[in-house]
Amino acid sequence: QVQVVESGGGLVQPGGSLRLSCVVSGFTFSLYFMSWYRQAPGKERELVGGITNGGGKTNYADSVKGRFTISRDNAKNTVYLQMNILKPEDTAVYYCNAKGPLGYGNYWGQGTQVTVSS
């Protein structure tokens, strides 16, 4: 049974930091490209960034470049999103996504709420 579970969200003041985690099970994590998405109220879901299956390459949306870092630990079946210098516009539900090779497998977590407010 496939499971994708995000955690680490919460309320943080502007300028603060949070680290989100996404733990997966039920598939071979080390074969999957992992991404983080977010969806703010009234807006479409948008890509935050992604990391290749081996962790050697990452990409980020311009809005988070230089502030957010994605990493993964294949031994722990976990991908992380380190968020620094948070802004109110980063407020959203953050989702973890796993995409398998050759289009095989596309799994989502339930999301974790991040609220940036003073």
N, C-alpha and C. Protein backbone atom coordinates (compact mmCIF):
# COMPACT_ATOMS: atom_id res chain seq x y z
N GLN A 1 0.84 -1.20 0.00
CA GLN A 1 0.00 0.00 0.00
C GLN A 1 0.88 1.25 0.00
N VAL A 2 0.61 2.13 -0.96
CA VAL A 2 1.40 3.34 -1.08
C VAL A 2 0.96 4.36 -0.03
N GLN A 3 1.95 4.94 0.62
CA GLN A 3 1.69 6.03 1.56
C GLN A 3 2.69 7.15 1.33
N VAL A 4 2.18 8.37 1.34
CA VAL A 4 3.00 9.57 1.23
C VAL A 4 2.51 10.51 2.32
N VAL A 5 3.34 10.78 3.29
CA VAL A 5 2.90 11.52 4.48
C VAL A 5 3.82 12.71 4.76
N GLU A 6 3.25 13.89 4.64
CA GLU A 6 3.99 15.11 4.94
C GLU A 6 3.83 15.49 6.42
N SER A 7 4.81 16.17 6.94
CA SER A 7 4.74 16.70 8.31
C SER A 7 5.67 17.91 8.43
N GLY A 8 5.52 18.62 9.54
CA GLY A 8 6.41 19.74 9.81
C GLY A 8 5.82 21.11 9.59
N GLY A 9 4.59 21.16 9.10
CA GLY A 9 3.97 22.46 8.89
C GLY A 9 3.61 23.13 10.21
N GLY A 10 3.21 24.38 10.11
CA GLY A 10 2.81 25.11 11.30
C GLY A 10 2.76 26.60 11.06
N LEU A 11 2.69 27.34 12.15
CA LEU A 11 2.64 28.80 12.12
C LEU A 11 4.04 29.34 12.43
N VAL A 12 4.50 30.24 11.58
CA VAL A 12 5.83 30.82 11.77
C VAL A 12 5.77 32.30 11.43
N GLN A 13 6.60 33.08 12.08
CA GLN A 13 6.64 34.51 11.80
C GLN A 13 7.43 34.79 10.53
N PRO A 14 7.13 35.90 9.88
CA PRO A 14 7.93 36.28 8.69
C PRO A 14 9.41 36.34 9.04
N GLY A 15 10.21 35.81 8.13
CA GLY A 15 11.64 35.73 8.36
C GLY A 15 12.09 34.44 9.03
N GLY A 16 11.14 33.67 9.50
CA GLY A 16 11.47 32.43 10.18
C GLY A 16 11.72 31.27 9.23
N SER A 17 11.92 30.09 9.83
CA SER A 17 12.24 28.88 9.08
C SER A 17 11.35 27.72 9.51
N LEU A 18 11.16 26.81 8.58
CA LEU A 18 10.49 25.54 8.85
C LEU A 18 11.14 24.48 7.99
N ARG A 19 11.10 23.24 8.47
CA ARG A 19 11.53 22.13 7.65
C ARG A 19 10.39 21.12 7.54
N LEU A 20 9.95 20.88 6.32
CA LEU A 20 8.92 19.88 6.06
C LEU A 20 9.60 18.56 5.71
N SER A 21 8.92 17.49 6.11
CA SER A 21 9.38 16.15 5.78
C SER A 21 8.27 15.41 5.04
N CYS A 22 8.67 14.49 4.20
CA CYS A 22 7.71 13.64 3.49
C CYS A 22 8.27 12.22 3.51
N VAL A 23 7.58 11.36 4.22
CA VAL A 23 8.00 9.96 4.33
C VAL A 23 7.10 9.11 3.45
N VAL A 24 7.70 8.23 2.67
CA VAL A 24 6.91 7.41 1.75
C VAL A 24 7.13 5.93 2.05
N SER A 25 6.17 5.13 1.60
CA SER A 25 6.28 3.68 1.69
C SER A 25 5.41 3.07 0.61
N GLY A 26 5.70 1.81 0.31
CA GLY A 26 4.88 1.10 -0.66
C GLY A 26 5.41 1.13 -2.08
N PHE A 27 6.53 1.82 -2.31
CA PHE A 27 7.17 1.82 -3.61
C PHE A 27 8.65 2.08 -3.42
N THR A 28 9.42 1.89 -4.49
CA THR A 28 10.87 2.02 -4.39
C THR A 28 11.26 3.49 -4.50
N PHE A 29 11.39 4.11 -3.35
CA PHE A 29 11.61 5.56 -3.26
C PHE A 29 12.80 6.01 -4.10
N SER A 30 13.87 5.24 -4.10
CA SER A 30 15.10 5.68 -4.76
C SER A 30 14.98 5.76 -6.28
N LEU A 31 13.87 5.25 -6.84
CA LEU A 31 13.65 5.33 -8.28
C LEU A 31 12.79 6.54 -8.67
N TYR A 32 12.26 7.24 -7.70
CA TYR A 32 11.26 8.27 -7.95
C TYR A 32 11.82 9.67 -7.86
N PHE A 33 11.40 10.49 -8.83
CA PHE A 33 11.62 11.93 -8.77
C PHE A 33 10.63 12.50 -7.77
N MET A 34 11.13 13.32 -6.85
CA MET A 34 10.28 13.87 -5.79
C MET A 34 10.14 15.38 -5.95
N SER A 35 8.93 15.85 -5.74
CA SER A 35 8.66 17.28 -5.86
C SER A 35 7.85 17.76 -4.67
N TRP A 36 7.96 19.06 -4.43
CA TRP A 36 7.08 19.74 -3.50
C TRP A 36 6.23 20.73 -4.29
N TYR A 37 4.94 20.76 -3.99
CA TYR A 37 4.00 21.71 -4.55
C TYR A 37 3.35 22.46 -3.39
N ARG A 38 2.70 23.55 -3.72
CA ARG A 38 1.92 24.26 -2.71
C ARG A 38 0.67 24.85 -3.35
N GLN A 39 -0.32 25.05 -2.51
CA GLN A 39 -1.58 25.65 -2.97
C GLN A 39 -2.07 26.62 -1.92
N ALA A 40 -2.11 27.88 -2.30
CA ALA A 40 -2.62 28.92 -1.42
C ALA A 40 -4.13 29.05 -1.63
N PRO A 41 -4.85 29.60 -0.66
CA PRO A 41 -6.29 29.75 -0.79
C PRO A 41 -6.66 30.54 -2.05
N GLY A 42 -7.58 29.99 -2.82
CA GLY A 42 -8.05 30.66 -4.01
C GLY A 42 -7.11 30.62 -5.20
N LYS A 43 -6.01 29.88 -5.06
CA LYS A 43 -5.03 29.82 -6.15
C LYS A 43 -4.83 28.37 -6.59
N GLU A 44 -4.25 28.22 -7.77
CA GLU A 44 -3.94 26.89 -8.28
C GLU A 44 -2.71 26.33 -7.60
N ARG A 45 -2.63 25.02 -7.59
CA ARG A 45 -1.45 24.36 -7.06
C ARG A 45 -0.25 24.71 -7.94
N GLU A 46 0.87 25.04 -7.30
CA GLU A 46 2.07 25.40 -8.06
C GLU A 46 3.27 24.59 -7.59
N LEU A 47 4.19 24.39 -8.53
CA LEU A 47 5.41 23.66 -8.21
C LEU A 47 6.36 24.54 -7.40
N VAL A 48 6.86 23.98 -6.31
CA VAL A 48 7.88 24.66 -5.51
C VAL A 48 9.27 24.26 -5.98
N GLY A 49 9.45 22.95 -6.19
CA GLY A 49 10.73 22.47 -6.67
C GLY A 49 10.76 20.96 -6.64
N GLY A 50 11.85 20.39 -7.18
CA GLY A 50 11.97 18.95 -7.24
C GLY A 50 13.41 18.49 -7.11
N ILE A 51 13.56 17.18 -6.93
CA ILE A 51 14.89 16.59 -6.77
C ILE A 51 14.92 15.25 -7.49
N THR A 52 16.01 14.98 -8.19
CA THR A 52 16.13 13.73 -8.92
C THR A 52 16.23 12.54 -7.97
N ASN A 53 16.06 11.35 -8.53
CA ASN A 53 15.97 10.17 -7.67
C ASN A 53 17.23 9.94 -6.86
N GLY A 54 18.38 10.29 -7.42
CA GLY A 54 19.63 10.13 -6.69
C GLY A 54 20.00 11.32 -5.84
N GLY A 55 19.26 12.39 -5.98
CA GLY A 55 19.53 13.60 -5.20
C GLY A 55 20.57 14.52 -5.79
N GLY A 56 21.04 14.20 -7.00
CA GLY A 56 22.12 14.99 -7.57
C GLY A 56 21.70 16.32 -8.17
N LYS A 57 20.43 16.44 -8.52
CA LYS A 57 19.97 17.68 -9.15
C LYS A 57 18.67 18.14 -8.50
N THR A 58 18.57 19.46 -8.36
CA THR A 58 17.35 20.06 -7.85
C THR A 58 16.94 21.21 -8.75
N ASN A 59 15.69 21.56 -8.69
CA ASN A 59 15.21 22.75 -9.39
C ASN A 59 14.18 23.43 -8.51
N TYR A 60 14.04 24.74 -8.68
CA TYR A 60 13.16 25.52 -7.81
C TYR A 60 12.40 26.56 -8.61
N ALA A 61 11.21 26.89 -8.12
CA ALA A 61 10.48 28.02 -8.66
C ALA A 61 11.25 29.30 -8.34
N ASP A 62 11.13 30.28 -9.22
CA ASP A 62 11.85 31.54 -9.00
C ASP A 62 11.47 32.18 -7.67
N SER A 63 10.22 32.00 -7.27
CA SER A 63 9.73 32.65 -6.05
C SER A 63 10.39 32.14 -4.77
N VAL A 64 11.01 30.95 -4.84
CA VAL A 64 11.61 30.38 -3.63
C VAL A 64 13.12 30.17 -3.76
N LYS A 65 13.65 30.42 -4.94
CA LYS A 65 15.07 30.19 -5.18
C LYS A 65 15.92 31.00 -4.21
N GLY A 66 16.89 30.34 -3.60
CA GLY A 66 17.76 31.00 -2.64
C GLY A 66 17.23 30.98 -1.21
N ARG A 67 15.96 30.61 -1.05
CA ARG A 67 15.38 30.54 0.31
C ARG A 67 15.02 29.12 0.70
N PHE A 68 14.60 28.31 -0.28
CA PHE A 68 14.17 26.94 0.00
C PHE A 68 15.21 25.96 -0.55
N THR A 69 15.34 24.83 0.16
CA THR A 69 16.26 23.77 -0.26
C THR A 69 15.58 22.42 -0.13
N ILE A 70 15.64 21.65 -1.20
CA ILE A 70 15.08 20.30 -1.19
C ILE A 70 16.23 19.31 -1.09
N SER A 71 16.05 18.31 -0.22
CA SER A 71 17.04 17.25 -0.09
C SER A 71 16.30 15.94 0.16
N ARG A 72 17.02 14.84 0.07
CA ARG A 72 16.39 13.54 0.30
C ARG A 72 17.38 12.59 0.95
N ASP A 73 16.81 11.63 1.66
CA ASP A 73 17.59 10.55 2.27
C ASP A 73 16.97 9.25 1.81
N ASN A 74 17.58 8.63 0.82
CA ASN A 74 16.98 7.42 0.25
C ASN A 74 16.98 6.25 1.24
N ALA A 75 17.87 6.29 2.21
CA ALA A 75 17.89 5.23 3.22
C ALA A 75 16.70 5.33 4.16
N LYS A 76 16.14 6.55 4.27
CA LYS A 76 15.01 6.77 5.17
C LYS A 76 13.70 6.98 4.41
N ASN A 77 13.75 6.85 3.07
CA ASN A 77 12.53 7.05 2.26
C ASN A 77 11.90 8.41 2.55
N THR A 78 12.74 9.41 2.66
CA THR A 78 12.26 10.73 3.09
C THR A 78 12.83 11.83 2.21
N VAL A 79 11.98 12.78 1.89
CA VAL A 79 12.40 14.00 1.20
C VAL A 79 12.05 15.19 2.11
N TYR A 80 12.91 16.20 2.05
CA TYR A 80 12.77 17.35 2.94
C TYR A 80 12.62 18.63 2.14
N LEU A 81 11.97 19.59 2.76
CA LEU A 81 11.91 20.94 2.21
C LEU A 81 12.29 21.90 3.33
N GLN A 82 13.50 22.43 3.25
CA GLN A 82 13.95 23.42 4.21
C GLN A 82 13.55 24.80 3.70
N MET A 83 12.78 25.51 4.48
CA MET A 83 12.27 26.82 4.08
C MET A 83 12.81 27.89 5.02
N ASN A 84 13.55 28.81 4.45
CA ASN A 84 14.14 29.91 5.23
C ASN A 84 13.59 31.24 4.74
N ILE A 85 13.78 32.25 5.55
CA ILE A 85 13.34 33.61 5.22
C ILE A 85 11.90 33.58 4.72
N LEU A 86 11.03 32.96 5.47
CA LEU A 86 9.65 32.78 5.04
C LEU A 86 8.93 34.12 4.97
N LYS A 87 8.03 34.19 3.99
CA LYS A 87 7.23 35.39 3.74
C LYS A 87 5.76 35.06 3.86
N PRO A 88 4.92 36.04 4.13
CA PRO A 88 3.47 35.76 4.20
C PRO A 88 2.95 35.10 2.92
N GLU A 89 3.51 35.44 1.78
CA GLU A 89 3.05 34.83 0.53
C GLU A 89 3.46 33.37 0.37
N ASP A 90 4.24 32.85 1.30
CA ASP A 90 4.55 31.42 1.30
C ASP A 90 3.46 30.61 2.00
N THR A 91 2.50 31.29 2.58
CA THR A 91 1.39 30.60 3.24
C THR A 91 0.62 29.76 2.24
N ALA A 92 0.50 28.47 2.54
CA ALA A 92 -0.16 27.53 1.63
C ALA A 92 -0.18 26.15 2.28
N VAL A 93 -0.92 25.26 1.64
CA VAL A 93 -0.80 23.84 1.95
C VAL A 93 0.29 23.28 1.05
N TYR A 94 1.25 22.61 1.65
CA TYR A 94 2.39 22.07 0.92
C TYR A 94 2.20 20.55 0.73
N TYR A 95 2.39 20.14 -0.52
CA TYR A 95 2.17 18.74 -0.90
C TYR A 95 3.46 18.12 -1.42
N CYS A 96 3.62 16.87 -1.11
CA CYS A 96 4.74 16.07 -1.61
C CYS A 96 4.22 15.21 -2.78
N ASN A 97 5.02 15.10 -3.83
CA ASN A 97 4.62 14.31 -5.00
C ASN A 97 5.76 13.39 -5.40
N ALA A 98 5.41 12.17 -5.76
CA ALA A 98 6.39 11.18 -6.23
C ALA A 98 6.03 10.75 -7.64
N LYS A 99 6.98 10.89 -8.54
CA LYS A 99 6.76 10.45 -9.94
C LYS A 99 7.78 9.37 -10.28
N GLY A 100 7.25 8.25 -10.76
CA GLY A 100 8.11 7.13 -11.07
C GLY A 100 8.74 7.23 -12.45
N PRO A 101 9.68 6.34 -12.75
CA PRO A 101 10.33 6.35 -14.06
C PRO A 101 9.36 5.98 -15.16
N LEU A 102 9.55 6.59 -16.31
CA LEU A 102 8.76 6.29 -17.51
C LEU A 102 7.27 6.48 -17.26
N GLY A 103 6.93 7.40 -16.36
CA GLY A 103 5.54 7.70 -16.09
C GLY A 103 4.81 6.68 -15.24
N TYR A 104 5.55 5.75 -14.69
CA TYR A 104 4.92 4.72 -13.85
C TYR A 104 4.86 5.19 -12.42
N GLY A 105 3.63 5.44 -11.92
CA GLY A 105 3.45 5.87 -10.54
C GLY A 105 3.47 7.37 -10.40
N ASN A 106 2.42 7.90 -9.80
CA ASN A 106 2.32 9.33 -9.52
C ASN A 106 1.51 9.45 -8.23
N TYR A 107 2.19 9.72 -7.13
CA TYR A 107 1.56 9.66 -5.82
C TYR A 107 1.66 11.00 -5.10
N TRP A 108 0.57 11.32 -4.37
CA TRP A 108 0.49 12.58 -3.63
C TRP A 108 0.24 12.31 -2.14
N GLY A 109 0.75 13.22 -1.34
CA GLY A 109 0.42 13.20 0.07
C GLY A 109 -0.82 14.02 0.34
N GLN A 110 -1.19 14.09 1.62
CA GLN A 110 -2.42 14.79 1.99
C GLN A 110 -2.19 16.28 2.24
N GLY A 111 -0.93 16.67 2.31
CA GLY A 111 -0.58 18.08 2.49
C GLY A 111 -0.38 18.46 3.95
N THR A 112 0.40 19.51 4.13
CA THR A 112 0.63 20.06 5.47
C THR A 112 0.56 21.58 5.37
N GLN A 113 -0.13 22.20 6.32
CA GLN A 113 -0.38 23.63 6.26
C GLN A 113 0.82 24.41 6.79
N VAL A 114 1.22 25.40 6.02
CA VAL A 114 2.24 26.36 6.46
C VAL A 114 1.62 27.74 6.46
N THR A 115 1.67 28.41 7.60
CA THR A 115 1.13 29.75 7.72
C THR A 115 2.24 30.68 8.21
N VAL A 116 2.48 31.72 7.43
CA VAL A 116 3.50 32.70 7.78
C VAL A 116 2.79 34.00 8.14
N SER A 117 2.83 34.34 9.41
CA SER A 117 2.09 35.50 9.88
C SER A 117 2.68 36.00 11.19
N SER A 118 2.58 37.31 11.39
CA SER A 118 3.02 37.87 12.66
C SER A 118 1.85 38.00 13.62
